[in-house]
């Protein structure tokens, strides 16, 4: 039998600030993270999702193996993770775990809907289909692919994500002098 201590999620205790105060939990905007900021967030979220699915026996219709390849699941699971941290904070009210479980029930319903809509399953995955609005170009067709090794795919995905973020940062810094000139005019 696995003990609680073998499966407990990381506590994600906030790091003390330079002035000795703990950082307060804040919403996480994945669109605004640098590569340096995103890496630990990906790893923390992945560890927590692994704990969550095992602790609650969640089926792949709620948390599929390739959740990390679907923005809608990333945002939902990330928000759920922050809510869990807030509810189980040692300084929170003793009734907050009940709030967590009530909200978790609602989140599971949303996750089922997201998973159903995006089309990812236990053994196959495809990108979430996007509705094309009038005047937009049709997206290239995408095929399903078999899920061979979830852990390897997660590492590859995160490395690709970090590389894209680094390139975006480089483009931004290359334009910084031009932006500063335009701002001064």
C-alpha atoms as a PDB file:
ATOM      1  CA  UNK A   1       0.000   0.000   0.000  1.00  0.00           C
ATOM      2  CA  UNK A   2       1.316   3.427  -0.916  1.00  0.00           C
ATOM      3  CA  UNK A   3       1.518   5.831   1.979  1.00  0.00           C
ATOM      4  CA  UNK A   4       0.276   9.383   1.788  1.00  0.00           C
ATOM      5  CA  UNK A   5       3.849  10.617   2.010  1.00  0.00           C
ATOM      6  CA  UNK A   6       4.783   8.721  -1.153  1.00  0.00           C
ATOM      7  CA  UNK A   7       2.013  10.385  -3.158  1.00  0.00           C
ATOM      8  CA  UNK A   8       1.621  13.790  -1.524  1.00  0.00           C
ATOM      9  CA  UNK A   9       1.970  16.696  -3.920  1.00  0.00           C
ATOM     10  CA  UNK A  10       4.741  19.226  -3.497  1.00  0.00           C
ATOM     11  CA  UNK A  11       3.647  21.936  -1.108  1.00  0.00           C
ATOM     12  CA  UNK A  12       4.835  24.708  -3.409  1.00  0.00           C
ATOM     13  CA  UNK A  13       5.512  26.861  -0.388  1.00  0.00           C
ATOM     14  CA  UNK A  14       6.156  30.426  -1.532  1.00  0.00           C
ATOM     15  CA  UNK A  15       9.771  31.478  -1.409  1.00  0.00           C
ATOM     16  CA  UNK A  16      10.585  34.138   1.183  1.00  0.00           C
ATOM     17  CA  UNK A  17      11.002  37.527  -0.435  1.00  0.00           C
ATOM     18  CA  UNK A  18      14.234  39.480   0.012  1.00  0.00           C
ATOM     19  CA  UNK A  19      12.567  41.461   2.786  1.00  0.00           C
ATOM     20  CA  UNK A  20      11.623  38.252   4.615  1.00  0.00           C
ATOM     21  CA  UNK A  21       7.958  38.216   3.568  1.00  0.00           C
ATOM     22  CA  UNK A  22       6.467  35.325   1.660  1.00  0.00           C
ATOM     23  CA  UNK A  23       5.241  35.902  -1.875  1.00  0.00           C
ATOM     24  CA  UNK A  24       1.487  35.861  -2.186  1.00  0.00           C
ATOM     25  CA  UNK A  25      -0.130  33.474  -4.679  1.00  0.00           C
ATOM     26  CA  UNK A  26      -1.090  35.262  -7.859  1.00  0.00           C
ATOM     27  CA  UNK A  27      -2.888  34.179 -11.010  1.00  0.00           C
ATOM     28  CA  UNK A  28      -0.551  32.653 -13.552  1.00  0.00           C
ATOM     29  CA  UNK A  29      -0.670  34.133 -17.058  1.00  0.00           C
ATOM     30  CA  UNK A  30       1.016  31.573 -19.308  1.00  0.00           C
ATOM     31  CA  UNK A  31       1.066  34.111 -22.165  1.00  0.00           C
ATOM     32  CA  UNK A  32       3.280  36.507 -20.205  1.00  0.00           C
ATOM     33  CA  UNK A  33       5.889  34.076 -18.837  1.00  0.00           C
ATOM     34  CA  UNK A  34       9.490  34.212 -19.973  1.00  0.00           C
ATOM     35  CA  UNK A  35      11.307  30.959 -20.703  1.00  0.00           C
ATOM     36  CA  UNK A  36      13.051  31.218 -17.344  1.00  0.00           C
ATOM     37  CA  UNK A  37       9.722  31.682 -15.549  1.00  0.00           C
ATOM     38  CA  UNK A  38       7.867  29.032 -17.560  1.00  0.00           C
ATOM     39  CA  UNK A  39      10.227  26.115 -16.933  1.00  0.00           C
ATOM     40  CA  UNK A  40       9.593  25.746 -13.175  1.00  0.00           C
ATOM     41  CA  UNK A  41       5.882  26.445 -13.694  1.00  0.00           C
ATOM     42  CA  UNK A  42       5.627  23.597 -16.219  1.00  0.00           C
ATOM     43  CA  UNK A  43       7.447  21.194 -13.919  1.00  0.00           C
ATOM     44  CA  UNK A  44       5.402  22.191 -10.872  1.00  0.00           C
ATOM     45  CA  UNK A  45       2.106  21.912 -12.738  1.00  0.00           C
ATOM     46  CA  UNK A  46       3.078  18.553 -14.233  1.00  0.00           C
ATOM     47  CA  UNK A  47       3.980  17.154 -10.802  1.00  0.00           C
ATOM     48  CA  UNK A  48       0.742  18.424  -9.315  1.00  0.00           C
ATOM     49  CA  UNK A  49      -1.406  17.051 -12.166  1.00  0.00           C
ATOM     50  CA  UNK A  50       0.299  13.659 -11.752  1.00  0.00           C
ATOM     51  CA  UNK A  51      -0.510  13.731  -8.030  1.00  0.00           C
ATOM     52  CA  UNK A  52      -4.085  14.914  -8.658  1.00  0.00           C
ATOM     53  CA  UNK A  53      -4.968  12.206 -11.174  1.00  0.00           C
ATOM     54  CA  UNK A  54      -3.559   9.475  -8.931  1.00  0.00           C
ATOM     55  CA  UNK A  55      -4.928  10.799  -5.629  1.00  0.00           C
ATOM     56  CA  UNK A  56      -8.452  11.149  -7.034  1.00  0.00           C
ATOM     57  CA  UNK A  57      -8.346   8.254  -9.519  1.00  0.00           C
ATOM     58  CA  UNK A  58      -9.202  10.580 -12.396  1.00  0.00           C
ATOM     59  CA  UNK A  59      -9.933   8.916 -15.738  1.00  0.00           C
ATOM     60  CA  UNK A  60      -8.437  10.181 -19.022  1.00  0.00           C
ATOM     61  CA  UNK A  61     -11.825  11.722 -19.827  1.00  0.00           C
ATOM     62  CA  UNK A  62     -11.022  14.251 -17.079  1.00  0.00           C
ATOM     63  CA  UNK A  63      -7.204  14.456 -17.241  1.00  0.00           C
ATOM     64  CA  UNK A  64      -5.774  12.879 -20.407  1.00  0.00           C
ATOM     65  CA  UNK A  65      -2.071  12.039 -20.838  1.00  0.00           C
ATOM     66  CA  UNK A  66      -1.459  14.870 -23.332  1.00  0.00           C
ATOM     67  CA  UNK A  67      -3.228  17.592 -21.333  1.00  0.00           C
ATOM     68  CA  UNK A  68      -0.098  19.703 -21.828  1.00  0.00           C
ATOM     69  CA  UNK A  69      -0.767  19.905 -25.589  1.00  0.00           C
ATOM     70  CA  UNK A  70      -4.154  21.608 -25.154  1.00  0.00           C
ATOM     71  CA  UNK A  71      -4.307  25.238 -24.049  1.00  0.00           C
ATOM     72  CA  UNK A  72      -7.801  24.894 -22.615  1.00  0.00           C
ATOM     73  CA  UNK A  73      -6.627  22.084 -20.307  1.00  0.00           C
ATOM     74  CA  UNK A  74      -3.456  23.943 -19.327  1.00  0.00           C
ATOM     75  CA  UNK A  75      -5.442  27.010 -18.250  1.00  0.00           C
ATOM     76  CA  UNK A  76      -8.054  24.984 -16.347  1.00  0.00           C
ATOM     77  CA  UNK A  77      -5.539  22.753 -14.560  1.00  0.00           C
ATOM     78  CA  UNK A  78      -3.290  25.705 -13.766  1.00  0.00           C
ATOM     79  CA  UNK A  79      -6.188  27.616 -12.188  1.00  0.00           C
ATOM     80  CA  UNK A  80      -7.207  24.498 -10.284  1.00  0.00           C
ATOM     81  CA  UNK A  81      -3.659  24.081  -8.991  1.00  0.00           C
ATOM     82  CA  UNK A  82      -3.532  27.651  -7.685  1.00  0.00           C
ATOM     83  CA  UNK A  83      -6.939  27.199  -6.066  1.00  0.00           C
ATOM     84  CA  UNK A  84      -5.737  24.006  -4.377  1.00  0.00           C
ATOM     85  CA  UNK A  85      -2.649  25.826  -3.065  1.00  0.00           C
ATOM     86  CA  UNK A  86      -4.827  28.611  -1.704  1.00  0.00           C
ATOM     87  CA  UNK A  87      -7.336  26.255  -0.068  1.00  0.00           C
ATOM     88  CA  UNK A  88      -4.673  24.115   1.568  1.00  0.00           C
ATOM     89  CA  UNK A  89      -2.481  26.998   2.686  1.00  0.00           C
ATOM     90  CA  UNK A  90      -1.729  26.619   6.418  1.00  0.00           C
ATOM     91  CA  UNK A  91      -3.096  30.124   7.026  1.00  0.00           C
ATOM     92  CA  UNK A  92      -6.421  29.503   5.270  1.00  0.00           C
ATOM     93  CA  UNK A  93      -9.689  28.710   7.016  1.00  0.00           C
ATOM     94  CA  UNK A  94     -10.251  25.127   8.142  1.00  0.00           C
ATOM     95  CA  UNK A  95     -13.314  24.980   5.877  1.00  0.00           C
ATOM     96  CA  UNK A  96     -11.362  25.779   2.712  1.00  0.00           C
ATOM     97  CA  UNK A  97     -10.775  22.097   1.825  1.00  0.00           C
ATOM     98  CA  UNK A  98     -14.569  21.750   1.521  1.00  0.00           C
ATOM     99  CA  UNK A  99     -14.577  24.741  -0.807  1.00  0.00           C
ATOM    100  CA  UNK A 100     -11.821  23.059  -2.801  1.00  0.00           C
ATOM    101  CA  UNK A 101     -13.839  19.854  -3.201  1.00  0.00           C
ATOM    102  CA  UNK A 102     -16.993  21.740  -4.223  1.00  0.00           C
ATOM    103  CA  UNK A 103     -15.054  23.734  -6.799  1.00  0.00           C
ATOM    104  CA  UNK A 104     -13.144  20.623  -7.890  1.00  0.00           C
ATOM    105  CA  UNK A 105     -16.451  18.894  -8.706  1.00  0.00           C
ATOM    106  CA  UNK A 106     -17.397  21.818 -10.963  1.00  0.00           C
ATOM    107  CA  UNK A 107     -13.923  21.840 -12.518  1.00  0.00           C
ATOM    108  CA  UNK A 108     -14.144  18.113 -13.307  1.00  0.00           C
ATOM    109  CA  UNK A 109     -17.324  18.777 -15.293  1.00  0.00           C
ATOM    110  CA  UNK A 110     -15.549  21.523 -17.243  1.00  0.00           C
ATOM    111  CA  UNK A 111     -12.515  19.294 -17.787  1.00  0.00           C
ATOM    112  CA  UNK A 112     -14.752  16.525 -19.184  1.00  0.00           C
ATOM    113  CA  UNK A 113     -16.265  19.041 -21.591  1.00  0.00           C
ATOM    114  CA  UNK A 114     -12.841  20.362 -22.651  1.00  0.00           C
ATOM    115  CA  UNK A 115     -11.485  16.830 -23.173  1.00  0.00           C
ATOM    116  CA  UNK A 116     -14.561  15.820 -25.169  1.00  0.00           C
ATOM    117  CA  UNK A 117     -14.301  18.910 -27.365  1.00  0.00           C
ATOM    118  CA  UNK A 118     -10.545  18.811 -27.942  1.00  0.00           C
ATOM    119  CA  UNK A 119     -10.543  15.117 -28.883  1.00  0.00           C
ATOM    120  CA  UNK A 120      -7.579  13.875 -26.887  1.00  0.00           C
ATOM    121  CA  UNK A 121      -7.858  10.363 -25.464  1.00  0.00           C
ATOM    122  CA  UNK A 122      -5.845   7.861 -23.461  1.00  0.00           C
ATOM    123  CA  UNK A 123      -4.077   6.378 -26.484  1.00  0.00           C
ATOM    124  CA  UNK A 124      -4.406   9.010 -29.241  1.00  0.00           C
ATOM    125  CA  UNK A 125      -4.185  12.782 -29.487  1.00  0.00           C
ATOM    126  CA  UNK A 126      -4.897  15.449 -32.053  1.00  0.00           C
ATOM    127  CA  UNK A 127      -4.691  19.229 -31.824  1.00  0.00           C
ATOM    128  CA  UNK A 128      -7.864  20.957 -30.679  1.00  0.00           C
ATOM    129  CA  UNK A 129      -9.975  21.790 -33.695  1.00  0.00           C
ATOM    130  CA  UNK A 130     -10.463  25.492 -34.264  1.00  0.00           C
ATOM    131  CA  UNK A 131     -13.565  26.975 -35.840  1.00  0.00           C
ATOM    132  CA  UNK A 132     -12.676  29.113 -38.838  1.00  0.00           C
ATOM    133  CA  UNK A 133     -14.521  32.407 -38.939  1.00  0.00           C
ATOM    134  CA  UNK A 134     -15.630  33.991 -42.220  1.00  0.00           C
ATOM    135  CA  UNK A 135     -12.640  35.533 -43.982  1.00  0.00           C
ATOM    136  CA  UNK A 136     -10.042  33.384 -42.189  1.00  0.00           C
ATOM    137  CA  UNK A 137      -7.881  30.826 -43.952  1.00  0.00           C
ATOM    138  CA  UNK A 138      -8.681  27.188 -43.351  1.00  0.00           C
ATOM    139  CA  UNK A 139      -6.153  25.501 -41.062  1.00  0.00           C
ATOM    140  CA  UNK A 140      -4.064  22.641 -42.384  1.00  0.00           C
ATOM    141  CA  UNK A 141      -5.670  19.284 -41.643  1.00  0.00           C
ATOM    142  CA  UNK A 142      -4.193  17.455 -38.675  1.00  0.00           C
ATOM    143  CA  UNK A 143      -4.205  13.748 -38.030  1.00  0.00           C
ATOM    144  CA  UNK A 144      -4.426  11.883 -34.772  1.00  0.00           C
ATOM    145  CA  UNK A 145      -1.240  10.412 -33.439  1.00  0.00           C
ATOM    146  CA  UNK A 146      -0.682   7.524 -31.096  1.00  0.00           C
ATOM    147  CA  UNK A 147       0.527   8.304 -27.600  1.00  0.00           C
ATOM    148  CA  UNK A 148       3.673   6.230 -27.136  1.00  0.00           C
ATOM    149  CA  UNK A 149       5.458   7.766 -24.143  1.00  0.00           C
ATOM    150  CA  UNK A 150       3.744  10.544 -22.228  1.00  0.00           C
ATOM    151  CA  UNK A 151       6.779  11.534 -20.132  1.00  0.00           C
ATOM    152  CA  UNK A 152       9.056  11.864 -23.170  1.00  0.00           C
ATOM    153  CA  UNK A 153       6.428  13.898 -24.997  1.00  0.00           C
ATOM    154  CA  UNK A 154       6.044  16.241 -22.032  1.00  0.00           C
ATOM    155  CA  UNK A 155       9.805  16.906 -21.959  1.00  0.00           C
ATOM    156  CA  UNK A 156       9.835  17.521 -25.724  1.00  0.00           C
ATOM    157  CA  UNK A 157       6.798  19.803 -25.481  1.00  0.00           C
ATOM    158  CA  UNK A 158       8.292  21.881 -22.665  1.00  0.00           C
ATOM    159  CA  UNK A 159      11.622  22.203 -24.488  1.00  0.00           C
ATOM    160  CA  UNK A 160       9.799  23.405 -27.623  1.00  0.00           C
ATOM    161  CA  UNK A 161       7.705  25.824 -25.565  1.00  0.00           C
ATOM    162  CA  UNK A 162      10.794  27.254 -23.858  1.00  0.00           C
ATOM    163  CA  UNK A 163      12.542  27.635 -27.219  1.00  0.00           C
ATOM    164  CA  UNK A 164       9.553  29.552 -28.629  1.00  0.00           C
ATOM    165  CA  UNK A 165       9.555  31.814 -25.591  1.00  0.00           C
ATOM    166  CA  UNK A 166      13.298  32.479 -25.959  1.00  0.00           C
ATOM    167  CA  UNK A 167      12.825  33.405 -29.622  1.00  0.00           C
ATOM    168  CA  UNK A 168       9.969  35.759 -28.708  1.00  0.00           C
ATOM    169  CA  UNK A 169      12.155  37.363 -26.030  1.00  0.00           C
ATOM    170  CA  UNK A 170      14.997  37.817 -28.545  1.00  0.00           C
ATOM    171  CA  UNK A 171      12.629  39.445 -31.065  1.00  0.00           C
ATOM    172  CA  UNK A 172      11.314  41.749 -28.342  1.00  0.00           C
ATOM    173  CA  UNK A 173      14.804  42.785 -27.204  1.00  0.00           C
ATOM    174  CA  UNK A 174      15.885  43.341 -30.811  1.00  0.00           C
ATOM    175  CA  UNK A 175      12.976  45.775 -31.217  1.00  0.00           C
ATOM    176  CA  UNK A 176      13.504  47.499 -27.845  1.00  0.00           C
ATOM    177  CA  UNK A 177      15.679  50.354 -29.225  1.00  0.00           C
ATOM    178  CA  UNK A 178      13.110  51.041 -31.949  1.00  0.00           C
ATOM    179  CA  UNK A 179      10.267  51.012 -29.434  1.00  0.00           C
ATOM    180  CA  UNK A 180      12.180  53.386 -27.143  1.00  0.00           C
ATOM    181  CA  UNK A 181      12.795  55.785 -30.038  1.00  0.00           C
ATOM    182  CA  UNK A 182       9.119  55.729 -31.025  1.00  0.00           C
ATOM    183  CA  UNK A 183       8.077  56.325 -27.427  1.00  0.00           C
ATOM    184  CA  UNK A 184      10.345  59.372 -27.191  1.00  0.00           C
ATOM    185  CA  UNK A 185       8.836  61.014 -30.252  1.00  0.00           C
END
